[in-house]
Every structure is written in structure tokens, then in C-alpha cells.
Amino acid sequence: MVDTFVKTDPDESELITIKHSKLSPEELVAYPLGTKIIIKHLEFQIGGGGTNTAVSFARLGLTTGYLGKIGKDENGLKVFSNLKEEGITFIGTLGKQNGYSVILDSVGEDRTILTYKGCNNELTFKEVSKAKLKAKAYYLCSMMGSSLKTLASVARHAKKQRALVAFNPSSYLTEKGVKGIQSILENTDVLILNEEEAKDLGGAGTVKELAVRLGRLGPKTVVITKGAKGVTAYHEKTFFEATPRKNRHIHETTGAGDAFGSTLFAAMLIKKSFPQAIRMAMLNAESVIAHYGAKNVLLSLPLVEKRLSRDKRKVRRSKEVKPRAKKG
């Protein structure tokens, strides 16, 4: 996928911020009709969860293959070239028009993304070379359409191989509830998602309650990110919690989740302790949000380890508290 970053100047443009609305609980930004809004910054990058995480794994020293569908157009060629430059083997297929995103970054530290999936949604399992699916670990990103069915088939294939599987669903999958992705969750070892996505799947409750509840669906490890509040994870019947650095610089948040999830899984694969994996994941995500582009400043393993040696944040541990039996 090709990402276009569009930034306007809220002090000079006619953007209107709506903090309260009966139509939405979220803060809204309105663009006046019939006007031209000056773009302050325009930048093109290669993005998409699949390529973002593939580059992350490759830079962390893992032999990496990318399974997906790339367009036979100019944007698809850019994606293919990017994978080749990063030493990533392409094991997918070619389609017609490549995916494309426009990231509107105009107010505060947040952004809105307009996404066209293109042929990215059209990958079928019949098109996948089973001979090339011999990895020791699989990292599954969000897909839609035919590609979602293929994702479930890949998850089942991976478990037959006794490979480790990590799954990072996006909101457009979790909003459909557990039923829509149950066959993937059943074959997942590590589930990584944000707090809202966790609520979509697990219902009401505290983050710790959600983590335990989601763990009963199949994943042995559940990691829930909470934005500025940090992360809560449930691993080997133990809770782990950590918060971001207070002095971190936020320039643009696109790709932070991909950096976090892929780095955490990579750290687990190279046998880092789980607290170390969390800290490494946070360090790489913090590197990404300090710049434009989801993968420009993804860190190499030596650089992550160097920053890890200087990182003083604590990862708090606590055991799962079993509910008390009702009296009487």
C-alpha cells in the first residue's frame, strides 16, 4: 500500500473542531464545503500493515517473507521495490490496482486515514504457494474480503506445521465480533490489539479482565495497547504493564501499532524475556511516531538493544487474581 501524508495548518486553515456532537462520541473536524484548504506538508511513503511489519522483522534480523497481493500498477511496483530493498522475499501474487491510503493529519497528535484496499482484499488461498509456507512463525495483519478467508486458512496451515502465530486485527475486523475471526483466534498464540478492539471482542470490563477473557478464545498471550496509557499484557498467567516515556516526541502516529506488535513478536522469537519484549516494542513504536512514515525509522536489532540498555522504564508484574467463590 502507498501512503500519502497530508498535513494542514490548523492556525491558518478553516478547519473547525467539534468537541461535542449528538452524532458521534468522538471529537470531529469539519472541512467547509466549497473552499480550498492549503496543504502545509505532503509526503509519500510505502505503508500497509503487511509491509510495515515485514520491514520491521527484516531489520530486526529475521529472515522474512511477505504474503499478499500487490497491484500491477505504478504503486504496486513501488511496494515491490521497497520489499526488495529491505531483503524481503515476496511469496504472494499480483493483482490489478494496488491499495492506497490518504492520512489526514491536521489537529493535535491524531489523524484520520482514508483507505482504498484495491487488490489487497482479493488474495485467495488457491493462489498461495503452499511450498513457500514453511515458516517457523507467522504474523497475521488485518485483511478483508477473500483475503480474510485466506488469512484463516494460513492460520490453520501454520498450526498444522506447529509454527507460532501472532495476530494483529484492526477495528474493521473486531467490530464484527468474535464470530467473524473465531477460526483465526483459535489458531493464534499471540494476540495484539488496542483497548477499543479488545472491547469489541471481549465486551465490558477492565483491561485485565478483557485480556483473560480473550485468552480463553485461543491465544496464550494477549497484549492490549492503551495509547498514552501504555500497555497491559497477559502472558503465562501473569499480567505485565508498562507506560510510555514522558519525554517522547509525537510527530505522526501511523504505523506505531505495526512497529509495536512486530517488535514484540520478534523479541519473543529470539528468546528475549517477556518484559524485554515489551520494552523493545515500545522503543521501536516511539521511534516511529517521532517521524513521518510508518517504516522510515524502524530500528535494527543492534540499535533497539542499545536503546534498551539505556531504557529505565519498569515493567510491572502481577499474578492473575482468581475470583472468590460465592458464599452460601
C-alpha atoms as a PDB file:
ATOM      1  CA  MET A   1       0.000   0.000   0.000  1.00  0.00           C
ATOM      2  CA  VAL A   2       1.149   3.536  -0.758  1.00  0.00           C
ATOM      3  CA  ASP A   3       0.502   6.154   1.951  1.00  0.00           C
ATOM      4  CA  THR A   4       0.054   9.856   1.237  1.00  0.00           C
ATOM      5  CA  PHE A   5       0.537  12.057   4.304  1.00  0.00           C
ATOM      6  CA  VAL A   6      -1.420  15.316   4.134  1.00  0.00           C
ATOM      7  CA  LYS A   7      -0.895  17.943   6.835  1.00  0.00           C
ATOM      8  CA  THR A   8      -2.688  21.267   7.067  1.00  0.00           C
ATOM      9  CA  ASP A   9      -2.014  24.179   9.394  1.00  0.00           C
ATOM     10  CA  PRO A  10      -4.915  24.412  11.888  1.00  0.00           C
ATOM     11  CA  ASP A  11      -3.960  28.008  12.702  1.00  0.00           C
ATOM     12  CA  GLU A  12      -4.195  29.171   9.098  1.00  0.00           C
ATOM     13  CA  SER A  13      -6.841  26.904   7.556  1.00  0.00           C
ATOM     14  CA  GLU A  14     -10.601  26.958   8.026  1.00  0.00           C
ATOM     15  CA  LEU A  15     -10.798  23.635   9.851  1.00  0.00           C
ATOM     16  CA  ILE A  16     -13.487  23.547  12.511  1.00  0.00           C
ATOM     17  CA  THR A  17     -13.099  21.358  15.600  1.00  0.00           C
ATOM     18  CA  ILE A  18     -16.323  19.904  17.039  1.00  0.00           C
ATOM     19  CA  LYS A  19     -15.710  18.592  20.535  1.00  0.00           C
ATOM     20  CA  HIS A  20     -19.291  17.553  21.303  1.00  0.00           C
ATOM     21  CA  SER A  21     -21.871  16.144  18.909  1.00  0.00           C
ATOM     22  CA  LYS A  22     -25.045  14.072  19.120  1.00  0.00           C
ATOM     23  CA  LEU A  23     -23.871  12.220  16.008  1.00  0.00           C
ATOM     24  CA  SER A  24     -20.595  10.922  17.417  1.00  0.00           C
ATOM     25  CA  PRO A  25     -18.878  10.498  20.813  1.00  0.00           C
ATOM     26  CA  GLU A  26     -15.562  11.256  19.090  1.00  0.00           C
ATOM     27  CA  GLU A  27     -14.061  14.701  18.553  1.00  0.00           C
ATOM     28  CA  LEU A  28     -14.729  15.786  14.960  1.00  0.00           C
ATOM     29  CA  VAL A  29     -13.015  18.067  12.461  1.00  0.00           C
ATOM     30  CA  ALA A  30     -15.113  19.754   9.775  1.00  0.00           C
ATOM     31  CA  TYR A  31     -13.895  20.904   6.350  1.00  0.00           C
ATOM     32  CA  PRO A  32     -16.040  23.770   4.945  1.00  0.00           C
ATOM     33  CA  LEU A  33     -17.741  22.980   1.623  1.00  0.00           C
ATOM     34  CA  GLY A  34     -16.729  24.910  -1.468  1.00  0.00           C
ATOM     35  CA  THR A  35     -13.339  26.048  -0.160  1.00  0.00           C
ATOM     36  CA  LYS A  36      -9.709  25.242  -0.885  1.00  0.00           C
ATOM     37  CA  ILE A  37      -7.552  24.279   2.080  1.00  0.00           C
ATOM     38  CA  ILE A  38      -3.813  24.808   1.846  1.00  0.00           C
ATOM     39  CA  ILE A  39      -1.669  21.724   2.476  1.00  0.00           C
ATOM     40  CA  LYS A  40       1.321  22.521   4.674  1.00  0.00           C
ATOM     41  CA  HIS A  41       3.139  19.218   4.197  1.00  0.00           C
ATOM     42  CA  LEU A  42       2.787  16.428   1.602  1.00  0.00           C
ATOM     43  CA  GLU A  43       4.746  13.179   1.688  1.00  0.00           C
ATOM     44  CA  PHE A  44       4.503   9.763   0.011  1.00  0.00           C
ATOM     45  CA  GLN A  45       5.584   6.558   1.773  1.00  0.00           C
ATOM     46  CA  ILE A  46       5.144   2.807   1.410  1.00  0.00           C
ATOM     47  CA  GLY A  47       2.735   1.639   4.104  1.00  0.00           C
ATOM     48  CA  GLY A  48       0.183  -1.032   4.961  1.00  0.00           C
ATOM     49  CA  GLY A  49       0.315  -3.378   7.927  1.00  0.00           C
ATOM     50  CA  GLY A  50       1.820  -6.260   5.951  1.00  0.00           C
ATOM     51  CA  THR A  51       4.780  -4.355   4.529  1.00  0.00           C
ATOM     52  CA  ASN A  52       5.283  -2.329   7.726  1.00  0.00           C
ATOM     53  CA  THR A  53       5.651  -5.454   9.836  1.00  0.00           C
ATOM     54  CA  ALA A  54       7.697  -7.295   7.198  1.00  0.00           C
ATOM     55  CA  VAL A  55      10.262  -4.475   7.153  1.00  0.00           C
ATOM     56  CA  SER A  56      10.302  -4.449  10.947  1.00  0.00           C
ATOM     57  CA  PHE A  57      11.045  -8.186  11.123  1.00  0.00           C
ATOM     58  CA  ALA A  58      13.743  -7.905   8.456  1.00  0.00           C
ATOM     59  CA  ARG A  59      15.505  -5.022  10.199  1.00  0.00           C
ATOM     60  CA  LEU A  60      15.408  -6.988  13.436  1.00  0.00           C
ATOM     61  CA  GLY A  61      17.423  -9.704  11.725  1.00  0.00           C
ATOM     62  CA  LEU A  62      14.740 -12.292  10.914  1.00  0.00           C
ATOM     63  CA  THR A  63      14.508 -13.998   7.517  1.00  0.00           C
ATOM     64  CA  THR A  64      11.219 -12.583   6.252  1.00  0.00           C
ATOM     65  CA  GLY A  65       8.702 -13.316   3.518  1.00  0.00           C
ATOM     66  CA  TYR A  66       5.692 -11.184   2.575  1.00  0.00           C
ATOM     67  CA  LEU A  67       2.449 -12.920   1.592  1.00  0.00           C
ATOM     68  CA  GLY A  68      -0.077 -10.595  -0.006  1.00  0.00           C
ATOM     69  CA  LYS A  69      -1.431  -9.316  -3.309  1.00  0.00           C
ATOM     70  CA  ILE A  70       0.341  -6.400  -4.999  1.00  0.00           C
ATOM     71  CA  GLY A  71      -1.037  -4.404  -7.915  1.00  0.00           C
ATOM     72  CA  LYS A  72       0.491  -4.473 -11.401  1.00  0.00           C
ATOM     73  CA  ASP A  73       0.451  -0.681 -11.432  1.00  0.00           C
ATOM     74  CA  GLU A  74       2.966   2.039 -10.579  1.00  0.00           C
ATOM     75  CA  ASN A  75       2.138   1.933  -6.868  1.00  0.00           C
ATOM     76  CA  GLY A  76       2.483  -1.843  -6.808  1.00  0.00           C
ATOM     77  CA  LEU A  77       5.927  -1.540  -8.371  1.00  0.00           C
ATOM     78  CA  LYS A  78       6.925   0.872  -5.591  1.00  0.00           C
ATOM     79  CA  VAL A  79       5.802  -1.630  -2.956  1.00  0.00           C
ATOM     80  CA  PHE A  80       7.660  -4.487  -4.650  1.00  0.00           C
ATOM     81  CA  SER A  81      10.829  -2.382  -4.914  1.00  0.00           C
ATOM     82  CA  ASN A  82      10.602  -1.470  -1.229  1.00  0.00           C
ATOM     83  CA  LEU A  83      10.361  -5.134  -0.210  1.00  0.00           C
ATOM     84  CA  LYS A  84      13.355  -5.994  -2.394  1.00  0.00           C
ATOM     85  CA  GLU A  85      15.429  -3.154  -0.922  1.00  0.00           C
ATOM     86  CA  GLU A  86      14.737  -4.465   2.587  1.00  0.00           C
ATOM     87  CA  GLY A  87      15.750  -8.039   1.697  1.00  0.00           C
ATOM     88  CA  ILE A  88      12.195  -9.399   1.994  1.00  0.00           C
ATOM     89  CA  THR A  89      11.099 -12.330  -0.187  1.00  0.00           C
ATOM     90  CA  PHE A  90       7.786 -11.776  -1.979  1.00  0.00           C
ATOM     91  CA  ILE A  91       5.730 -15.003  -1.846  1.00  0.00           C
ATOM     92  CA  GLY A  92       2.382 -13.507  -2.853  1.00  0.00           C
ATOM     93  CA  THR A  93       0.652 -12.823  -6.166  1.00  0.00           C
ATOM     94  CA  LEU A  94      -0.071  -9.881  -8.457  1.00  0.00           C
ATOM     95  CA  GLY A  95      -3.432  -8.192  -8.962  1.00  0.00           C
ATOM     96  CA  LYS A  96      -4.779  -5.149 -10.791  1.00  0.00           C
ATOM     97  CA  GLN A  97      -4.807  -1.940  -8.734  1.00  0.00           C
ATOM     98  CA  ASN A  98      -2.704  -1.597  -5.600  1.00  0.00           C
ATOM     99  CA  GLY A  99      -4.056  -0.334  -2.279  1.00  0.00           C
ATOM    100  CA  TYR A 100      -3.740   3.351  -1.432  1.00  0.00           C
ATOM    101  CA  SER A 101      -4.217   5.468   1.696  1.00  0.00           C
ATOM    102  CA  VAL A 102      -4.522   9.173   2.446  1.00  0.00           C
ATOM    103  CA  ILE A 103      -3.547  10.132   6.001  1.00  0.00           C
ATOM    104  CA  LEU A 104      -5.136  13.407   7.100  1.00  0.00           C
ATOM    105  CA  ASP A 105      -3.014  14.764   9.932  1.00  0.00           C
ATOM    106  CA  SER A 106      -4.340  18.159  10.918  1.00  0.00           C
ATOM    107  CA  VAL A 107      -5.208  18.544  14.607  1.00  0.00           C
ATOM    108  CA  GLY A 108      -3.171  17.609  17.684  1.00  0.00           C
ATOM    109  CA  GLU A 109      -1.448  14.216  17.670  1.00  0.00           C
ATOM    110  CA  ASP A 110      -4.211  12.265  15.942  1.00  0.00           C
ATOM    111  CA  ARG A 111      -5.088  11.539  12.326  1.00  0.00           C
ATOM    112  CA  THR A 112      -7.791  10.137  10.068  1.00  0.00           C
ATOM    113  CA  ILE A 113      -6.987   7.595   7.351  1.00  0.00           C
ATOM    114  CA  LEU A 114      -8.877   7.164   4.072  1.00  0.00           C
ATOM    115  CA  THR A 115      -8.054   3.693   2.740  1.00  0.00           C
ATOM    116  CA  TYR A 116      -8.612   2.073  -0.643  1.00  0.00           C
ATOM    117  CA  LYS A 117      -7.808  -1.642  -0.352  1.00  0.00           C
ATOM    118  CA  GLY A 118      -7.649  -2.439  -4.073  1.00  0.00           C
ATOM    119  CA  CYS A 119      -6.405  -5.923  -4.923  1.00  0.00           C
ATOM    120  CA  ASN A 120      -5.110  -6.337  -1.349  1.00  0.00           C
ATOM    121  CA  ASN A 121      -8.548  -7.805  -0.498  1.00  0.00           C
ATOM    122  CA  GLU A 122      -8.525 -10.331  -3.366  1.00  0.00           C
ATOM    123  CA  LEU A 123      -5.901 -12.900  -2.318  1.00  0.00           C
ATOM    124  CA  THR A 124      -7.287 -16.461  -2.375  1.00  0.00           C
ATOM    125  CA  PHE A 125      -5.681 -19.471  -0.718  1.00  0.00           C
ATOM    126  CA  LYS A 126      -5.597 -21.264  -4.096  1.00  0.00           C
ATOM    127  CA  GLU A 127      -3.180 -18.584  -5.303  1.00  0.00           C
ATOM    128  CA  VAL A 128      -0.798 -19.186  -2.407  1.00  0.00           C
ATOM    129  CA  SER A 129       2.189 -21.456  -2.994  1.00  0.00           C
ATOM    130  CA  LYS A 130       1.962 -23.977  -0.145  1.00  0.00           C
ATOM    131  CA  ALA A 131       5.583 -24.967  -0.801  1.00  0.00           C
ATOM    132  CA  LYS A 132       6.634 -21.482   0.313  1.00  0.00           C
ATOM    133  CA  LEU A 133       4.603 -21.589   3.543  1.00  0.00           C
ATOM    134  CA  LYS A 134       7.234 -23.260   5.700  1.00  0.00           C
ATOM    135  CA  ALA A 135       7.973 -20.553   8.249  1.00  0.00           C
ATOM    136  CA  LYS A 136       8.617 -21.126  11.942  1.00  0.00           C
ATOM    137  CA  ALA A 137       6.383 -18.156  12.761  1.00  0.00           C
ATOM    138  CA  TYR A 138       3.583 -16.189  11.100  1.00  0.00           C
ATOM    139  CA  TYR A 139       2.426 -12.635  11.795  1.00  0.00           C
ATOM    140  CA  LEU A 140      -1.124 -12.015  10.550  1.00  0.00           C
ATOM    141  CA  CYS A 141      -2.376  -8.491   9.831  1.00  0.00           C
ATOM    142  CA  SER A 142      -5.921  -7.383   9.076  1.00  0.00           C
ATOM    143  CA  MET A 143      -7.419  -8.377   5.740  1.00  0.00           C
ATOM    144  CA  MET A 144     -10.885  -8.145   4.220  1.00  0.00           C
ATOM    145  CA  GLY A 145     -12.900  -9.911   1.516  1.00  0.00           C
ATOM    146  CA  SER A 146     -11.304 -13.020   0.001  1.00  0.00           C
ATOM    147  CA  SER A 147      -8.063 -12.187   1.782  1.00  0.00           C
ATOM    148  CA  LEU A 148      -9.724 -12.615   5.198  1.00  0.00           C
ATOM    149  CA  LYS A 149     -10.721 -16.186   4.305  1.00  0.00           C
ATOM    150  CA  THR A 150      -7.150 -16.753   3.143  1.00  0.00           C
ATOM    151  CA  LEU A 151      -5.875 -15.403   6.458  1.00  0.00           C
ATOM    152  CA  ALA A 152      -7.910 -18.045   8.311  1.00  0.00           C
ATOM    153  CA  SER A 153      -6.549 -20.762   6.011  1.00  0.00           C
ATOM    154  CA  VAL A 154      -2.974 -19.586   6.591  1.00  0.00           C
ATOM    155  CA  ALA A 155      -3.555 -19.674  10.366  1.00  0.00           C
ATOM    156  CA  ARG A 156      -4.786 -23.282  10.172  1.00  0.00           C
ATOM    157  CA  HIS A 157      -1.879 -24.207   7.895  1.00  0.00           C
ATOM    158  CA  ALA A 158       0.589 -22.647  10.339  1.00  0.00           C
ATOM    159  CA  LYS A 159      -0.744 -24.595  13.310  1.00  0.00           C
ATOM    160  CA  LYS A 160      -0.521 -27.858  11.364  1.00  0.00           C
ATOM    161  CA  GLN A 161       3.167 -27.008  10.979  1.00  0.00           C
ATOM    162  CA  ARG A 162       3.362 -26.266  14.723  1.00  0.00           C
ATOM    163  CA  ALA A 163       4.509 -22.750  13.897  1.00  0.00           C
ATOM    164  CA  LEU A 164       3.898 -19.792  16.206  1.00  0.00           C
ATOM    165  CA  VAL A 165       1.148 -17.408  15.102  1.00  0.00           C
ATOM    166  CA  ALA A 166       0.659 -13.763  16.079  1.00  0.00           C
ATOM    167  CA  PHE A 167      -2.489 -11.890  15.055  1.00  0.00           C
ATOM    168  CA  ASN A 168      -2.984  -8.120  14.998  1.00  0.00           C
ATOM    169  CA  PRO A 169      -6.587  -7.390  13.914  1.00  0.00           C
ATOM    170  CA  SER A 170      -7.789  -3.878  13.113  1.00  0.00           C
ATOM    171  CA  SER A 171     -11.054  -2.291  14.192  1.00  0.00           C
ATOM    172  CA  TYR A 172     -12.877  -3.139  10.961  1.00  0.00           C
ATOM    173  CA  LEU A 173     -12.425  -6.810  11.881  1.00  0.00           C
ATOM    174  CA  THR A 174     -13.035  -6.614  15.623  1.00  0.00           C
ATOM    175  CA  GLU A 175     -16.212  -4.554  15.139  1.00  0.00           C
ATOM    176  CA  LYS A 176     -17.767  -7.679  13.602  1.00  0.00           C
ATOM    177  CA  GLY A 177     -17.253  -9.541  16.869  1.00  0.00           C
ATOM    178  CA  VAL A 178     -15.589 -12.838  17.723  1.00  0.00           C
ATOM    179  CA  LYS A 179     -17.623 -14.896  15.248  1.00  0.00           C
ATOM    180  CA  GLY A 180     -16.074 -13.172  12.221  1.00  0.00           C
ATOM    181  CA  ILE A 181     -12.493 -14.086  13.190  1.00  0.00           C
ATOM    182  CA  GLN A 182     -13.009 -17.058  15.524  1.00  0.00           C
ATOM    183  CA  SER A 183     -11.212 -19.502  13.219  1.00  0.00           C
ATOM    184  CA  ILE A 184      -8.135 -17.243  13.329  1.00  0.00           C
ATOM    185  CA  LEU A 185      -8.255 -16.668  17.093  1.00  0.00           C
ATOM    186  CA  GLU A 186      -8.418 -20.424  17.710  1.00  0.00           C
ATOM    187  CA  ASN A 187      -5.086 -20.817  15.922  1.00  0.00           C
ATOM    188  CA  THR A 188      -3.398 -17.747  17.416  1.00  0.00           C
ATOM    189  CA  ASP A 189      -0.627 -17.872  20.020  1.00  0.00           C
ATOM    190  CA  VAL A 190      -0.102 -14.117  20.491  1.00  0.00           C
ATOM    191  CA  LEU A 191      -2.986 -11.653  20.095  1.00  0.00           C
ATOM    192  CA  ILE A 192      -2.050  -7.970  19.836  1.00  0.00           C
ATOM    193  CA  LEU A 193      -4.719  -5.266  19.701  1.00  0.00           C
ATOM    194  CA  ASN A 194      -5.701  -1.918  21.184  1.00  0.00           C
ATOM    195  CA  GLU A 195      -8.153  -1.302  24.008  1.00  0.00           C
ATOM    196  CA  GLU A 196     -11.138  -0.449  21.787  1.00  0.00           C
ATOM    197  CA  GLU A 197     -10.557  -3.540  19.661  1.00  0.00           C
ATOM    198  CA  ALA A 198     -10.316  -5.636  22.829  1.00  0.00           C
ATOM    199  CA  LYS A 199     -13.703  -4.295  23.953  1.00  0.00           C
ATOM    200  CA  ASP A 200     -15.193  -5.149  20.560  1.00  0.00           C
ATOM    201  CA  LEU A 201     -14.236  -8.785  21.098  1.00  0.00           C
ATOM    202  CA  GLY A 202     -14.383  -9.128  24.876  1.00  0.00           C
ATOM    203  CA  GLY A 203     -17.212  -6.804  25.900  1.00  0.00           C
ATOM    204  CA  ALA A 204     -17.249  -4.658  29.028  1.00  0.00           C
ATOM    205  CA  GLY A 205     -14.712  -4.889  31.831  1.00  0.00           C
ATOM    206  CA  THR A 206     -11.272  -3.775  32.914  1.00  0.00           C
ATOM    207  CA  VAL A 207      -8.319  -4.235  30.577  1.00  0.00           C
ATOM    208  CA  LYS A 208      -7.064  -7.123  32.715  1.00  0.00           C
ATOM    209  CA  GLU A 209     -10.474  -8.801  32.603  1.00  0.00           C
ATOM    210  CA  LEU A 210     -10.542  -8.383  28.828  1.00  0.00           C
ATOM    211  CA  ALA A 211      -7.073  -9.897  28.483  1.00  0.00           C
ATOM    212  CA  VAL A 212      -8.054 -13.012  30.440  1.00  0.00           C
ATOM    213  CA  ARG A 213     -11.349 -13.299  28.541  1.00  0.00           C
ATOM    214  CA  LEU A 214      -9.643 -13.039  25.158  1.00  0.00           C
ATOM    215  CA  GLY A 215      -7.077 -15.612  26.238  1.00  0.00           C
ATOM    216  CA  ARG A 216      -9.888 -18.137  26.593  1.00  0.00           C
ATOM    217  CA  LEU A 217     -10.606 -17.797  22.862  1.00  0.00           C
ATOM    218  CA  GLY A 218      -7.298 -19.437  21.949  1.00  0.00           C
ATOM    219  CA  PRO A 219      -4.318 -17.063  22.350  1.00  0.00           C
ATOM    220  CA  LYS A 220      -1.788 -17.977  25.034  1.00  0.00           C
ATOM    221  CA  THR A 221      -0.589 -14.369  25.175  1.00  0.00           C
ATOM    222  CA  VAL A 222      -2.826 -11.287  24.911  1.00  0.00           C
ATOM    223  CA  VAL A 223      -1.310  -7.813  24.559  1.00  0.00           C
ATOM    224  CA  ILE A 224      -3.567  -4.742  24.784  1.00  0.00           C
ATOM    225  CA  THR A 225      -2.161  -1.326  23.904  1.00  0.00           C
ATOM    226  CA  LYS A 226      -3.746   1.748  25.505  1.00  0.00           C
ATOM    227  CA  GLY A 227      -2.188   4.694  23.676  1.00  0.00           C
ATOM    228  CA  ALA A 228      -0.720   7.245  26.069  1.00  0.00           C
ATOM    229  CA  LYS A 229      -1.619   4.942  28.996  1.00  0.00           C
ATOM    230  CA  GLY A 230       0.805   2.269  27.819  1.00  0.00           C
ATOM    231  CA  VAL A 231       0.253  -1.469  27.542  1.00  0.00           C
ATOM    232  CA  THR A 232      -1.224  -4.334  29.544  1.00  0.00           C
ATOM    233  CA  ALA A 233      -0.323  -7.923  28.640  1.00  0.00           C
ATOM    234  CA  TYR A 234      -1.409 -11.326  29.924  1.00  0.00           C
ATOM    235  CA  HIS A 235       1.301 -13.961  29.486  1.00  0.00           C
ATOM    236  CA  GLU A 236       1.779 -17.269  31.307  1.00  0.00           C
ATOM    237  CA  LYS A 237      -0.955 -16.379  33.816  1.00  0.00           C
ATOM    238  CA  THR A 238       0.864 -13.177  34.734  1.00  0.00           C
ATOM    239  CA  PHE A 239      -0.039  -9.561  33.965  1.00  0.00           C
ATOM    240  CA  PHE A 240       2.610  -7.177  32.645  1.00  0.00           C
ATOM    241  CA  GLU A 241       2.138  -3.399  32.480  1.00  0.00           C
ATOM    242  CA  ALA A 242       4.329  -0.563  31.192  1.00  0.00           C
ATOM    243  CA  THR A 243       3.883   3.110  30.290  1.00  0.00           C
ATOM    244  CA  PRO A 244       5.472   5.250  27.528  1.00  0.00           C
ATOM    245  CA  ARG A 245       8.345   7.645  28.175  1.00  0.00           C
ATOM    246  CA  LYS A 246       7.101  11.031  29.374  1.00  0.00           C
ATOM    247  CA  ASN A 247       9.513  12.957  27.157  1.00  0.00           C
ATOM    248  CA  ARG A 248       8.684  11.117  23.918  1.00  0.00           C
ATOM    249  CA  HIS A 249       8.155  13.229  20.785  1.00  0.00           C
ATOM    250  CA  ILE A 250       4.989  12.577  18.752  1.00  0.00           C
ATOM    251  CA  HIS A 251       5.107  13.732  15.133  1.00  0.00           C
ATOM    252  CA  GLU A 252       2.734  11.245  13.445  1.00  0.00           C
ATOM    253  CA  THR A 253       1.254   8.031  14.838  1.00  0.00           C
ATOM    254  CA  THR A 254       0.680   5.967  11.687  1.00  0.00           C
ATOM    255  CA  GLY A 255       2.485   2.622  11.923  1.00  0.00           C
ATOM    256  CA  ALA A 256       3.075   2.720  15.674  1.00  0.00           C
ATOM    257  CA  GLY A 257       0.885  -0.327  16.248  1.00  0.00           C
ATOM    258  CA  ASP A 258       2.651  -2.271  13.500  1.00  0.00           C
ATOM    259  CA  ALA A 259       6.054  -1.395  14.955  1.00  0.00           C
ATOM    260  CA  PHE A 260       4.966  -2.385  18.456  1.00  0.00           C
ATOM    261  CA  GLY A 261       3.357  -5.694  17.530  1.00  0.00           C
ATOM    262  CA  SER A 262       6.057  -6.907  15.156  1.00  0.00           C
ATOM    263  CA  THR A 263       8.887  -5.980  17.527  1.00  0.00           C
ATOM    264  CA  LEU A 264       7.239  -7.688  20.487  1.00  0.00           C
ATOM    265  CA  PHE A 265       6.723 -10.895  18.485  1.00  0.00           C
ATOM    266  CA  ALA A 266      10.248 -10.750  17.051  1.00  0.00           C
ATOM    267  CA  ALA A 267      11.709 -10.318  20.534  1.00  0.00           C
ATOM    268  CA  MET A 268       9.770 -13.358  21.728  1.00  0.00           C
ATOM    269  CA  LEU A 269      11.077 -15.375  18.758  1.00  0.00           C
ATOM    270  CA  ILE A 270      14.705 -14.525  19.547  1.00  0.00           C
ATOM    271  CA  LYS A 271      14.121 -15.600  23.154  1.00  0.00           C
ATOM    272  CA  LYS A 272      14.118 -12.236  24.897  1.00  0.00           C
ATOM    273  CA  SER A 273      12.340 -12.194  28.245  1.00  0.00           C
ATOM    274  CA  PHE A 274       8.736 -11.014  28.031  1.00  0.00           C
ATOM    275  CA  PRO A 275       9.436  -7.740  29.908  1.00  0.00           C
ATOM    276  CA  GLN A 276      12.312  -7.084  27.497  1.00  0.00           C
ATOM    277  CA  ALA A 277      10.000  -7.795  24.557  1.00  0.00           C
ATOM    278  CA  ILE A 278       7.520  -5.193  25.811  1.00  0.00           C
ATOM    279  CA  ARG A 279      10.219  -2.561  26.290  1.00  0.00           C
ATOM    280  CA  MET A 280      11.765  -3.240  22.864  1.00  0.00           C
ATOM    281  CA  ALA A 281       8.329  -2.965  21.256  1.00  0.00           C
ATOM    282  CA  MET A 282       7.656   0.363  22.952  1.00  0.00           C
ATOM    283  CA  LEU A 283      11.071   1.713  21.942  1.00  0.00           C
ATOM    284  CA  ASN A 284      10.501   0.885  18.264  1.00  0.00           C
ATOM    285  CA  ALA A 285       6.980   2.335  18.316  1.00  0.00           C
ATOM    286  CA  GLU A 286       8.309   5.517  19.944  1.00  0.00           C
ATOM    287  CA  SER A 287      10.904   5.765  17.179  1.00  0.00           C
ATOM    288  CA  VAL A 288       8.188   5.550  14.502  1.00  0.00           C
ATOM    289  CA  ILE A 289       5.868   8.184  15.971  1.00  0.00           C
ATOM    290  CA  ALA A 290       8.701  10.714  16.133  1.00  0.00           C
ATOM    291  CA  HIS A 291       8.795  10.929  12.312  1.00  0.00           C
ATOM    292  CA  TYR A 292       6.618  10.819   9.201  1.00  0.00           C
ATOM    293  CA  GLY A 293       6.210   7.398   7.614  1.00  0.00           C
ATOM    294  CA  ALA A 294       5.364   4.047   9.166  1.00  0.00           C
ATOM    295  CA  LYS A 295       8.699   2.369   8.473  1.00  0.00           C
ATOM    296  CA  ASN A 296      11.374   5.011   7.757  1.00  0.00           C
ATOM    297  CA  VAL A 297      12.834   4.846  11.251  1.00  0.00           C
ATOM    298  CA  LEU A 298      12.098   1.266  12.238  1.00  0.00           C
ATOM    299  CA  LEU A 299      15.127   0.239  14.257  1.00  0.00           C
ATOM    300  CA  SER A 300      17.648  -2.528  13.641  1.00  0.00           C
ATOM    301  CA  LEU A 301      18.198  -5.119  16.370  1.00  0.00           C
ATOM    302  CA  PRO A 302      21.572  -3.648  17.481  1.00  0.00           C
ATOM    303  CA  LEU A 303      20.017  -0.184  17.768  1.00  0.00           C
ATOM    304  CA  VAL A 304      16.971  -1.457  19.678  1.00  0.00           C
ATOM    305  CA  GLU A 305      19.248  -3.336  22.068  1.00  0.00           C
ATOM    306  CA  LYS A 306      21.420  -0.240  22.523  1.00  0.00           C
ATOM    307  CA  ARG A 307      18.366   1.839  23.418  1.00  0.00           C
ATOM    308  CA  LEU A 308      17.088  -0.969  25.617  1.00  0.00           C
ATOM    309  CA  SER A 309      20.287  -0.816  27.686  1.00  0.00           C
ATOM    310  CA  ARG A 310      19.555   2.863  28.384  1.00  0.00           C
ATOM    311  CA  ASP A 311      15.814   2.490  28.886  1.00  0.00           C
ATOM    312  CA  LYS A 312      14.920   2.816  32.568  1.00  0.00           C
ATOM    313  CA  ARG A 313      11.178   2.193  32.390  1.00  0.00           C
ATOM    314  CA  LYS A 314       9.807  -0.569  34.577  1.00  0.00           C
ATOM    315  CA  VAL A 315       7.544  -3.410  33.506  1.00  0.00           C
ATOM    316  CA  ARG A 316       5.253  -4.187  36.429  1.00  0.00           C
ATOM    317  CA  ARG A 317       4.146  -7.757  37.068  1.00  0.00           C
ATOM    318  CA  SER A 318       1.158  -9.111  38.936  1.00  0.00           C
ATOM    319  CA  LYS A 319      -0.413 -12.537  39.109  1.00  0.00           C
ATOM    320  CA  GLU A 320      -3.922 -13.271  37.908  1.00  0.00           C
ATOM    321  CA  VAL A 321      -6.376 -12.922  40.783  1.00  0.00           C
ATOM    322  CA  LYS A 322      -8.914 -15.723  40.716  1.00  0.00           C
ATOM    323  CA  PRO A 323     -12.472 -14.653  41.605  1.00  0.00           C
ATOM    324  CA  ARG A 324     -13.591 -15.630  45.097  1.00  0.00           C
ATOM    325  CA  ALA A 325     -16.207 -18.326  45.414  1.00  0.00           C
ATOM    326  CA  LYS A 326     -19.641 -17.049  46.387  1.00  0.00           C
ATOM    327  CA  LYS A 327     -20.656 -17.803  49.980  1.00  0.00           C
ATOM    328  CA  GLY A 328     -23.680 -19.916  50.632  1.00  0.00           C
END
